[in-house]
PDB file of all heavy atoms in Angstrom:
ATOM      1  N   TRP A   1      -8.546  -1.748 -20.638  1.00  0.00           N
ATOM      2  CA  TRP A   1      -7.826  -2.504 -19.588  1.00  0.00           C
ATOM      3  C   TRP A   1      -6.259  -2.366 -19.714  1.00  0.00           C
ATOM      4  O   TRP A   1      -5.641  -2.335 -18.749  1.00  0.00           O
ATOM      5  CB  TRP A   1      -8.149  -3.917 -19.933  1.00  0.00           C
ATOM      6  CG  TRP A   1      -7.700  -4.656 -21.124  1.00  0.00           C
ATOM      7  CD1 TRP A   1      -8.343  -4.717 -22.310  1.00  0.00           C
ATOM      8  CD2 TRP A   1      -6.404  -5.225 -21.209  1.00  0.00           C
ATOM      9  NE1 TRP A   1      -7.455  -5.273 -23.265  1.00  0.00           N
ATOM     10  CE2 TRP A   1      -6.343  -5.630 -22.560  1.00  0.00           C
ATOM     11  CE3 TRP A   1      -5.314  -5.477 -20.407  1.00  0.00           C
ATOM     12  CZ2 TRP A   1      -5.174  -6.298 -23.047  1.00  0.00           C
ATOM     13  CZ3 TRP A   1      -4.173  -6.110 -20.852  1.00  0.00           C
ATOM     14  CH2 TRP A   1      -4.163  -6.490 -22.215  1.00  0.00           C
ATOM     15  N   TYR A   2      -5.784  -2.089 -20.905  1.00  0.00           N
ATOM     16  CA  TYR A   2      -4.313  -2.051 -21.069  1.00  0.00           C
ATOM     17  C   TYR A   2      -3.678  -0.631 -20.491  1.00  0.00           C
ATOM     18  O   TYR A   2      -2.557  -0.484 -20.349  1.00  0.00           O
ATOM     19  CB  TYR A   2      -3.803  -2.355 -22.532  1.00  0.00           C
ATOM     20  CG  TYR A   2      -4.642  -1.488 -23.487  1.00  0.00           C
ATOM     21  CD1 TYR A   2      -4.221  -0.103 -23.857  1.00  0.00           C
ATOM     22  CD2 TYR A   2      -5.647  -2.023 -24.341  1.00  0.00           C
ATOM     23  CE1 TYR A   2      -4.798   0.621 -24.785  1.00  0.00           C
ATOM     24  CE2 TYR A   2      -6.370  -1.223 -25.245  1.00  0.00           C
ATOM     25  CZ  TYR A   2      -5.903  -0.018 -25.432  1.00  0.00           C
ATOM     26  OH  TYR A   2      -6.592   0.795 -26.338  1.00  0.00           O
ATOM     27  N   VAL A   3      -4.664   0.281 -20.173  1.00  0.00           N
ATOM     28  CA  VAL A   3      -4.270   1.412 -19.460  1.00  0.00           C
ATOM     29  C   VAL A   3      -4.569   1.230 -17.980  1.00  0.00           C
ATOM     30  O   VAL A   3      -3.749   1.669 -17.111  1.00  0.00           O
ATOM     31  CB  VAL A   3      -4.957   2.660 -19.939  1.00  0.00           C
ATOM     32  CG1 VAL A   3      -4.792   3.911 -19.123  1.00  0.00           C
ATOM     33  CG2 VAL A   3      -4.558   2.892 -21.440  1.00  0.00           C
ATOM     34  N   ALA A   4      -5.680   0.701 -17.722  1.00  0.00           N
ATOM     35  CA  ALA A   4      -6.252   0.538 -16.315  1.00  0.00           C
ATOM     36  C   ALA A   4      -5.389  -0.426 -15.341  1.00  0.00           C
ATOM     37  O   ALA A   4      -4.987  -0.057 -14.398  1.00  0.00           O
ATOM     38  CB  ALA A   4      -7.657   0.166 -16.255  1.00  0.00           C
ATOM     39  N   VAL A   5      -4.954  -1.491 -15.981  1.00  0.00           N
ATOM     40  CA  VAL A   5      -4.160  -2.580 -15.303  1.00  0.00           C
ATOM     41  C   VAL A   5      -2.772  -1.963 -14.864  1.00  0.00           C
ATOM     42  O   VAL A   5      -2.388  -2.052 -13.761  1.00  0.00           O
ATOM     43  CB  VAL A   5      -4.087  -3.865 -16.050  1.00  0.00           C
ATOM     44  CG1 VAL A   5      -3.176  -4.834 -15.462  1.00  0.00           C
ATOM     45  CG2 VAL A   5      -5.550  -4.458 -16.052  1.00  0.00           C
ATOM     46  N   PRO A   6      -2.004  -1.345 -15.780  1.00  0.00           N
ATOM     47  CA  PRO A   6      -0.747  -0.950 -15.536  1.00  0.00           C
ATOM     48  C   PRO A   6      -0.842   0.203 -14.463  1.00  0.00           C
ATOM     49  O   PRO A   6      -0.091   0.341 -13.561  1.00  0.00           O
ATOM     50  CB  PRO A   6      -0.201  -0.471 -16.817  1.00  0.00           C
ATOM     51  CG  PRO A   6      -0.780  -1.199 -17.863  1.00  0.00           C
ATOM     52  CD  PRO A   6      -2.120  -1.476 -17.399  1.00  0.00           C
ATOM     53  N   ALA A   7      -1.889   1.002 -14.531  1.00  0.00           N
ATOM     54  CA  ALA A   7      -2.143   2.142 -13.647  1.00  0.00           C
ATOM     55  C   ALA A   7      -2.364   1.566 -12.192  1.00  0.00           C
ATOM     56  O   ALA A   7      -1.839   2.128 -11.285  1.00  0.00           O
ATOM     57  CB  ALA A   7      -3.235   3.072 -14.067  1.00  0.00           C
ATOM     58  N   MET A   8      -3.078   0.484 -12.168  1.00  0.00           N
ATOM     59  CA  MET A   8      -3.375  -0.117 -10.907  1.00  0.00           C
ATOM     60  C   MET A   8      -2.067  -0.791 -10.250  1.00  0.00           C
ATOM     61  O   MET A   8      -1.908  -0.647  -9.197  1.00  0.00           O
ATOM     62  CB  MET A   8      -4.456  -1.190 -11.057  1.00  0.00           C
ATOM     63  CG  MET A   8      -4.866  -1.749  -9.700  1.00  0.00           C
ATOM     64  SD  MET A   8      -5.641  -0.560  -8.621  1.00  0.00           S
ATOM     65  CE  MET A   8      -6.193  -1.570  -7.344  1.00  0.00           C
ATOM     66  N   LEU A   9      -1.359  -1.304 -11.125  1.00  0.00           N
ATOM     67  CA  LEU A   9       0.052  -1.937 -10.585  1.00  0.00           C
ATOM     68  C   LEU A   9       0.917  -0.922 -10.153  1.00  0.00           C
ATOM     69  O   LEU A   9       1.579  -1.149  -9.133  1.00  0.00           O
ATOM     70  CB  LEU A   9       0.569  -2.686 -11.824  1.00  0.00           C
ATOM     71  CG  LEU A   9      -0.035  -3.901 -12.409  1.00  0.00           C
ATOM     72  CD1 LEU A   9       0.556  -4.561 -13.407  1.00  0.00           C
ATOM     73  CD2 LEU A   9      -0.089  -4.982 -11.065  1.00  0.00           C
ATOM     74  N   VAL A  10       1.006   0.323 -10.802  1.00  0.00           N
ATOM     75  CA  VAL A  10       1.834   1.395 -10.226  1.00  0.00           C
ATOM     76  C   VAL A  10       1.394   1.933  -9.036  1.00  0.00           C
ATOM     77  O   VAL A  10       1.998   2.039  -8.020  1.00  0.00           O
ATOM     78  CB  VAL A  10       1.876   2.469 -11.266  1.00  0.00           C
ATOM     79  CG1 VAL A  10       2.663   3.721 -10.762  1.00  0.00           C
ATOM     80  CG2 VAL A  10       2.679   1.997 -12.602  1.00  0.00           C
ATOM     81  N   SER A  11      -0.010   2.031  -8.937  1.00  0.00           N
ATOM     82  CA  SER A  11      -0.632   2.451  -7.639  1.00  0.00           C
ATOM     83  C   SER A  11      -0.315   1.634  -6.551  1.00  0.00           C
ATOM     84  O   SER A  11       0.001   1.907  -5.364  1.00  0.00           O
ATOM     85  CB  SER A  11      -2.072   2.729  -7.863  1.00  0.00           C
ATOM     86  OG  SER A  11      -2.673   3.184  -6.694  1.00  0.00           O
ATOM     87  N   CYS A  12      -0.533   0.276  -6.835  1.00  0.00           N
ATOM     88  CA  CYS A  12      -0.193  -0.754  -5.663  1.00  0.00           C
ATOM     89  C   CYS A  12       1.197  -0.732  -5.392  1.00  0.00           C
ATOM     90  O   CYS A  12       1.561  -0.913  -4.299  1.00  0.00           O
ATOM     91  CB  CYS A  12      -0.873  -2.101  -6.136  1.00  0.00           C
ATOM     92  SG  CYS A  12      -2.598  -2.108  -6.267  1.00  0.00           S
ATOM     93  N   GLY A  13       2.068  -0.683  -6.376  1.00  0.00           N
ATOM     94  CA  GLY A  13       3.489  -0.721  -6.115  1.00  0.00           C
ATOM     95  C   GLY A  13       3.920   0.554  -5.250  1.00  0.00           C
ATOM     96  O   GLY A  13       4.953   0.377  -4.768  1.00  0.00           O
ATOM     97  N   LEU A  14       3.252   1.651  -5.334  1.00  0.00           N
ATOM     98  CA  LEU A  14       3.686   2.779  -4.624  1.00  0.00           C
ATOM     99  C   LEU A  14       3.024   2.790  -3.151  1.00  0.00           C
ATOM    100  O   LEU A  14       3.638   3.263  -2.261  1.00  0.00           O
ATOM    101  CB  LEU A  14       3.442   3.985  -5.437  1.00  0.00           C
ATOM    102  CG  LEU A  14       4.165   4.289  -6.481  1.00  0.00           C
ATOM    103  CD1 LEU A  14       3.697   5.577  -7.253  1.00  0.00           C
ATOM    104  CD2 LEU A  14       5.679   4.514  -6.105  1.00  0.00           C
ATOM    105  N   SER A  15       1.835   2.161  -3.029  1.00  0.00           N
ATOM    106  CA  SER A  15       1.239   2.261  -1.766  1.00  0.00           C
ATOM    107  C   SER A  15       1.533   1.080  -0.902  1.00  0.00           C
ATOM    108  O   SER A  15       1.648   1.173   0.278  1.00  0.00           O
ATOM    109  CB  SER A  15      -0.285   2.376  -1.924  1.00  0.00           C
ATOM    110  OG  SER A  15      -0.791   1.266  -2.699  1.00  0.00           O
ATOM    111  N   LEU A  16       1.765  -0.092  -1.490  1.00  0.00           N
ATOM    112  CA  LEU A  16       2.155  -1.191  -0.690  1.00  0.00           C
ATOM    113  C   LEU A  16       3.391  -1.047   0.179  1.00  0.00           C
ATOM    114  O   LEU A  16       3.348  -1.501   1.424  1.00  0.00           O
ATOM    115  CB  LEU A  16       2.376  -2.447  -1.723  1.00  0.00           C
ATOM    116  CG  LEU A  16       2.777  -3.699  -0.984  1.00  0.00           C
ATOM    117  CD1 LEU A  16       1.572  -4.155  -0.111  1.00  0.00           C
ATOM    118  CD2 LEU A  16       3.118  -4.872  -2.035  1.00  0.00           C
ATOM    119  N   PRO A  17       4.416  -0.382  -0.387  1.00  0.00           N
ATOM    120  CA  PRO A  17       5.639  -0.321   0.584  1.00  0.00           C
ATOM    121  C   PRO A  17       5.295   0.561   1.809  1.00  0.00           C
ATOM    122  O   PRO A  17       5.743   0.316   2.992  1.00  0.00           O
ATOM    123  CB  PRO A  17       6.716   0.367  -0.252  1.00  0.00           C
ATOM    124  CG  PRO A  17       6.363   0.019  -1.614  1.00  0.00           C
ATOM    125  CD  PRO A  17       4.847  -0.163  -1.728  1.00  0.00           C
ATOM    126  N   VAL A  18       4.560   1.526   1.618  1.00  0.00           N
ATOM    127  CA  VAL A  18       4.111   2.450   2.725  1.00  0.00           C
ATOM    128  C   VAL A  18       3.271   1.668   3.735  1.00  0.00           C
ATOM    129  O   VAL A  18       3.562   1.651   4.905  1.00  0.00           O
ATOM    130  CB  VAL A  18       3.263   3.656   2.247  1.00  0.00           C
ATOM    131  CG1 VAL A  18       2.945   4.537   3.356  1.00  0.00           C
ATOM    132  CG2 VAL A  18       4.148   4.544   1.302  1.00  0.00           C
ATOM    133  N   PHE A  19       2.306   1.008   3.315  1.00  0.00           N
ATOM    134  CA  PHE A  19       1.512   0.152   4.216  1.00  0.00           C
ATOM    135  C   PHE A  19       2.331  -0.992   4.900  1.00  0.00           C
ATOM    136  O   PHE A  19       2.248  -1.218   6.043  1.00  0.00           O
ATOM    137  CB  PHE A  19       0.321  -0.571   3.489  1.00  0.00           C
ATOM    138  CG  PHE A  19      -0.692   0.367   2.770  1.00  0.00           C
ATOM    139  CD1 PHE A  19      -1.394   0.070   1.743  1.00  0.00           C
ATOM    140  CD2 PHE A  19      -0.879   1.706   3.304  1.00  0.00           C
ATOM    141  CE1 PHE A  19      -2.239   0.857   1.084  1.00  0.00           C
ATOM    142  CE2 PHE A  19      -1.673   2.553   2.575  1.00  0.00           C
ATOM    143  CZ  PHE A  19      -2.460   2.272   1.553  1.00  0.00           C
ATOM    144  N   SER A  20       3.277  -1.563   4.132  1.00  0.00           N
ATOM    145  CA  SER A  20       4.054  -2.529   4.724  1.00  0.00           C
ATOM    146  C   SER A  20       5.121  -2.052   5.850  1.00  0.00           C
ATOM    147  O   SER A  20       5.379  -2.697   6.657  1.00  0.00           O
ATOM    148  CB  SER A  20       4.892  -3.316   3.603  1.00  0.00           C
ATOM    149  OG  SER A  20       4.081  -3.843   2.748  1.00  0.00           O
ATOM    150  N   TRP A  21       5.542  -0.836   5.571  1.00  0.00           N
ATOM    151  CA  TRP A  21       6.357  -0.216   6.449  1.00  0.00           C
ATOM    152  C   TRP A  21       5.793   0.125   7.841  1.00  0.00           C
ATOM    153  O   TRP A  21       6.279   0.190   8.925  1.00  0.00           O
ATOM    154  CB  TRP A  21       7.097   1.012   5.908  1.00  0.00           C
ATOM    155  CG  TRP A  21       7.809   1.865   6.871  1.00  0.00           C
ATOM    156  CD1 TRP A  21       8.939   1.678   7.348  1.00  0.00           C
ATOM    157  CD2 TRP A  21       7.349   3.153   7.366  1.00  0.00           C
ATOM    158  NE1 TRP A  21       9.323   2.696   8.314  1.00  0.00           N
ATOM    159  CE2 TRP A  21       8.394   3.615   8.320  1.00  0.00           C
ATOM    160  CE3 TRP A  21       6.218   3.985   7.108  1.00  0.00           C
ATOM    161  CZ2 TRP A  21       8.213   4.811   8.958  1.00  0.00           C
ATOM    162  CZ3 TRP A  21       6.116   5.166   7.783  1.00  0.00           C
ATOM    163  CH2 TRP A  21       7.116   5.446   8.684  1.00  0.00           C
ATOM    164  N   LEU A  22       4.393   0.588   7.751  1.00  0.00           N
ATOM    165  CA  LEU A  22       3.682   1.100   8.866  1.00  0.00           C
ATOM    166  C   LEU A  22       3.607   0.043   9.924  1.00  0.00           C
ATOM    167  O   LEU A  22       3.539   0.282  11.221  1.00  0.00           O
ATOM    168  CB  LEU A  22       2.269   1.547   8.366  1.00  0.00           C
ATOM    169  CG  LEU A  22       2.292   2.970   7.905  1.00  0.00           C
ATOM    170  CD1 LEU A  22       0.915   3.278   7.321  1.00  0.00           C
ATOM    171  CD2 LEU A  22       2.729   4.069   8.828  1.00  0.00           C
ATOM    172  N   ARG A  23       3.418  -1.294   9.447  1.00  0.00           N
ATOM    173  CA  ARG A  23       3.351  -2.372  10.384  1.00  0.00           C
ATOM    174  C   ARG A  23       4.495  -2.545  11.368  1.00  0.00           C
ATOM    175  O   ARG A  23       4.345  -2.366  12.591  1.00  0.00           O
ATOM    176  CB  ARG A  23       2.937  -3.632   9.610  1.00  0.00           C
ATOM    177  CG  ARG A  23       2.990  -4.904  10.430  1.00  0.00           C
ATOM    178  CD  ARG A  23       1.981  -4.927  11.548  1.00  0.00           C
ATOM    179  NE  ARG A  23       2.016  -6.204  12.269  1.00  0.00           N
ATOM    180  CZ  ARG A  23       2.647  -6.299  13.368  1.00  0.00           C
ATOM    181  NH1 ARG A  23       3.480  -5.485  13.980  1.00  0.00           N
ATOM    182  NH2 ARG A  23       2.731  -7.555  14.052  1.00  0.00           N
ATOM    183  N   PRO A  24       5.633  -2.771  10.858  1.00  0.00           N
ATOM    184  CA  PRO A  24       6.785  -2.956  11.750  1.00  0.00           C
ATOM    185  C   PRO A  24       7.126  -1.599  12.435  1.00  0.00           C
ATOM    186  O   PRO A  24       7.595  -1.641  13.614  1.00  0.00           O
ATOM    187  CB  PRO A  24       7.880  -3.464  10.939  1.00  0.00           C
ATOM    188  CG  PRO A  24       7.617  -3.131   9.577  1.00  0.00           C
ATOM    189  CD  PRO A  24       6.085  -3.159   9.423  1.00  0.00           C
ATOM    190  N   ALA A  25       6.945  -0.497  11.760  1.00  0.00           N
ATOM    191  CA  ALA A  25       7.329   0.757  12.424  1.00  0.00           C
ATOM    192  C   ALA A  25       6.454   1.173  13.616  1.00  0.00           C
ATOM    193  O   ALA A  25       6.892   1.672  14.563  1.00  0.00           O
ATOM    194  CB  ALA A  25       7.255   1.948  11.351  1.00  0.00           C
ATOM    195  N   SER A  26       5.245   0.701  13.583  1.00  0.00           N
ATOM    196  CA  SER A  26       4.297   1.071  14.621  1.00  0.00           C
ATOM    197  C   SER A  26       4.109  -0.071  15.576  1.00  0.00           C
ATOM    198  O   SER A  26       3.653   0.107  16.711  1.00  0.00           O
ATOM    199  CB  SER A  26       2.924   1.504  14.186  1.00  0.00           C
ATOM    200  OG  SER A  26       2.386   0.256  13.384  1.00  0.00           O
ATOM    201  N   GLY A  27       4.360  -1.324  15.166  1.00  0.00           N
ATOM    202  CA  GLY A  27       4.182  -2.500  16.109  1.00  0.00           C
ATOM    203  C   GLY A  27       2.778  -2.998  16.165  1.00  0.00           C
ATOM    204  O   GLY A  27       2.359  -3.723  16.859  1.00  0.00           O
ATOM    205  N   SER A  28       1.911  -2.290  15.207  1.00  0.00           N
ATOM    206  CA  SER A  28       0.445  -2.694  15.160  1.00  0.00           C
ATOM    207  C   SER A  28       0.093  -2.740  13.713  1.00  0.00           C
ATOM    208  O   SER A  28       0.610  -1.982  12.888  1.00  0.00           O
ATOM    209  CB  SER A  28      -0.195  -1.750  15.919  1.00  0.00           C
ATOM    210  OG  SER A  28      -1.633  -1.969  15.810  1.00  0.00           O
ATOM    211  N   VAL A  29      -1.039  -3.471  13.397  1.00  0.00           N
ATOM    212  CA  VAL A  29      -1.573  -3.376  12.123  1.00  0.00           C
ATOM    213  C   VAL A  29      -2.513  -2.223  11.850  1.00  0.00           C
ATOM    214  O   VAL A  29      -2.804  -1.910  10.778  1.00  0.00           O
ATOM    215  CB  VAL A  29      -2.213  -4.819  11.690  1.00  0.00           C
ATOM    216  CG1 VAL A  29      -3.421  -4.941  12.483  1.00  0.00           C
ATOM    217  CG2 VAL A  29      -2.428  -4.930  10.240  1.00  0.00           C
ATOM    218  N   ILE A  30      -3.021  -1.860  13.038  1.00  0.00           N
ATOM    219  CA  ILE A  30      -3.964  -0.627  12.840  1.00  0.00           C
ATOM    220  C   ILE A  30      -3.467   0.532  12.085  1.00  0.00           C
ATOM    221  O   ILE A  30      -4.337   1.069  11.212  1.00  0.00           O
ATOM    222  CB  ILE A  30      -4.350  -0.324  14.346  1.00  0.00           C
ATOM    223  CG1 ILE A  30      -5.011  -1.443  15.103  1.00  0.00           C
ATOM    224  CG2 ILE A  30      -5.407   0.903  14.281  1.00  0.00           C
ATOM    225  CD1 ILE A  30      -6.099  -2.033  14.479  1.00  0.00           C
ATOM    226  N   PRO A  31      -2.404   1.234  12.155  1.00  0.00           N
ATOM    227  CA  PRO A  31      -2.068   2.279  11.274  1.00  0.00           C
ATOM    228  C   PRO A  31      -2.063   1.928   9.854  1.00  0.00           C
ATOM    229  O   PRO A  31      -2.445   2.695   9.086  1.00  0.00           O
ATOM    230  CB  PRO A  31      -0.586   2.728  11.699  1.00  0.00           C
ATOM    231  CG  PRO A  31      -0.516   2.153  13.257  1.00  0.00           C
ATOM    232  CD  PRO A  31      -1.502   0.897  13.252  1.00  0.00           C
ATOM    233  N   ALA A  32      -1.695   0.655   9.501  1.00  0.00           N
ATOM    234  CA  ALA A  32      -1.689   0.327   8.138  1.00  0.00           C
ATOM    235  C   ALA A  32      -3.129   0.181   7.594  1.00  0.00           C
ATOM    236  O   ALA A  32      -3.418   0.612   6.468  1.00  0.00           O
ATOM    237  CB  ALA A  32      -0.925  -0.937   7.929  1.00  0.00           C
ATOM    238  N   VAL A  33      -3.974  -0.334   8.513  1.00  0.00           N
ATOM    239  CA  VAL A  33      -5.422  -0.454   8.156  1.00  0.00           C
ATOM    240  C   VAL A  33      -6.054   0.953   7.919  1.00  0.00           C
ATOM    241  O   VAL A  33      -6.770   1.237   6.969  1.00  0.00           O
ATOM    242  CB  VAL A  33      -6.142  -1.244   9.158  1.00  0.00           C
ATOM    243  CG1 VAL A  33      -7.670  -1.141   8.932  1.00  0.00           C
ATOM    244  CG2 VAL A  33      -5.710  -2.743   9.110  1.00  0.00           C
ATOM    245  N   VAL A  34      -5.773   1.875   8.901  1.00  0.00           N
ATOM    246  CA  VAL A  34      -6.213   3.238   8.831  1.00  0.00           C
ATOM    247  C   VAL A  34      -5.759   3.915   7.630  1.00  0.00           C
ATOM    248  O   VAL A  34      -6.457   4.630   6.923  1.00  0.00           O
ATOM    249  CB  VAL A  34      -5.985   3.898  10.162  1.00  0.00           C
ATOM    250  CG1 VAL A  34      -6.277   5.465  10.017  1.00  0.00           C
ATOM    251  CG2 VAL A  34      -6.670   3.440  11.277  1.00  0.00           C
ATOM    252  N   CYS A  35      -4.478   3.762   7.355  1.00  0.00           N
ATOM    253  CA  CYS A  35      -3.904   4.514   6.191  1.00  0.00           C
ATOM    254  C   CYS A  35      -4.518   3.901   4.871  1.00  0.00           C
ATOM    255  O   CYS A  35      -4.816   4.705   3.968  1.00  0.00           O
ATOM    256  CB  CYS A  35      -2.370   4.216   6.101  1.00  0.00           C
ATOM    257  SG  CYS A  35      -1.562   5.120   4.800  1.00  0.00           S
ATOM    258  N   HIS A  36      -4.807   2.616   4.746  1.00  0.00           N
ATOM    259  CA  HIS A  36      -5.453   1.986   3.570  1.00  0.00           C
ATOM    260  C   HIS A  36      -6.780   2.656   3.373  1.00  0.00           C
ATOM    261  O   HIS A  36      -7.152   2.780   2.347  1.00  0.00           O
ATOM    262  CB  HIS A  36      -5.446   0.422   3.722  1.00  0.00           C
ATOM    263  CG  HIS A  36      -5.886  -0.248   2.519  1.00  0.00           C
ATOM    264  ND1 HIS A  36      -7.261  -0.351   2.243  1.00  0.00           N
ATOM    265  CD2 HIS A  36      -5.278  -0.786   1.435  1.00  0.00           C
ATOM    266  CE1 HIS A  36      -7.406  -1.090   1.045  1.00  0.00           C
ATOM    267  NE2 HIS A  36      -6.292  -1.127   0.620  1.00  0.00           N
TER     268      HIS A  36
END
Protein backbone atom coordinates (compact mmCIF):
# COMPACT_ATOMS: atom_id res chain seq x y z
CA TRP A 1 0.00 0.00 0.00
CA TYR A 2 2.84 2.44 0.76
CA VAL A 3 3.91 2.18 -2.89
CA ALA A 4 0.44 1.91 -4.47
CA VAL A 5 -1.15 4.88 -2.66
CA PRO A 6 1.57 7.44 -3.55
CA ALA A 7 1.58 6.13 -7.12
CA MET A 8 -2.19 6.65 -7.33
CA LEU A 9 -1.85 10.17 -5.91
CA VAL A 10 0.80 11.05 -8.52
CA SER A 11 -1.34 9.60 -11.29
CA CYS A 12 -4.41 11.54 -10.12
CA GLY A 13 -2.37 14.68 -9.61
CA LEU A 14 -1.21 14.54 -13.22
CA SER A 15 -4.48 13.55 -14.87
CA LEU A 16 -6.86 15.76 -12.86
CA PRO A 17 -5.51 19.07 -14.24
CA VAL A 18 -5.91 17.79 -17.80
CA PHE A 19 -9.49 16.63 -17.20
CA SER A 20 -10.26 19.88 -15.35
CA TRP A 21 -8.88 21.99 -18.20
CA LEU A 22 -10.89 20.14 -20.85
CA ARG A 23 -14.21 21.24 -19.34
CA PRO A 24 -13.80 25.03 -19.63
CA ALA A 25 -11.70 24.78 -22.79
CA SER A 26 -14.40 22.86 -24.64
CA GLY A 27 -17.49 24.28 -22.95
CA SER A 28 -18.75 20.75 -22.37
CA VAL A 29 -18.15 17.95 -19.91
CA ILE A 30 -18.15 15.35 -22.71
CA PRO A 31 -14.44 15.73 -23.73
CA ALA A 32 -13.35 15.26 -20.10
CA VAL A 33 -15.55 12.17 -19.78
CA VAL A 34 -14.21 10.71 -23.04
CA CYS A 35 -10.63 11.47 -22.02
CA HIS A 36 -11.16 9.85 -18.61
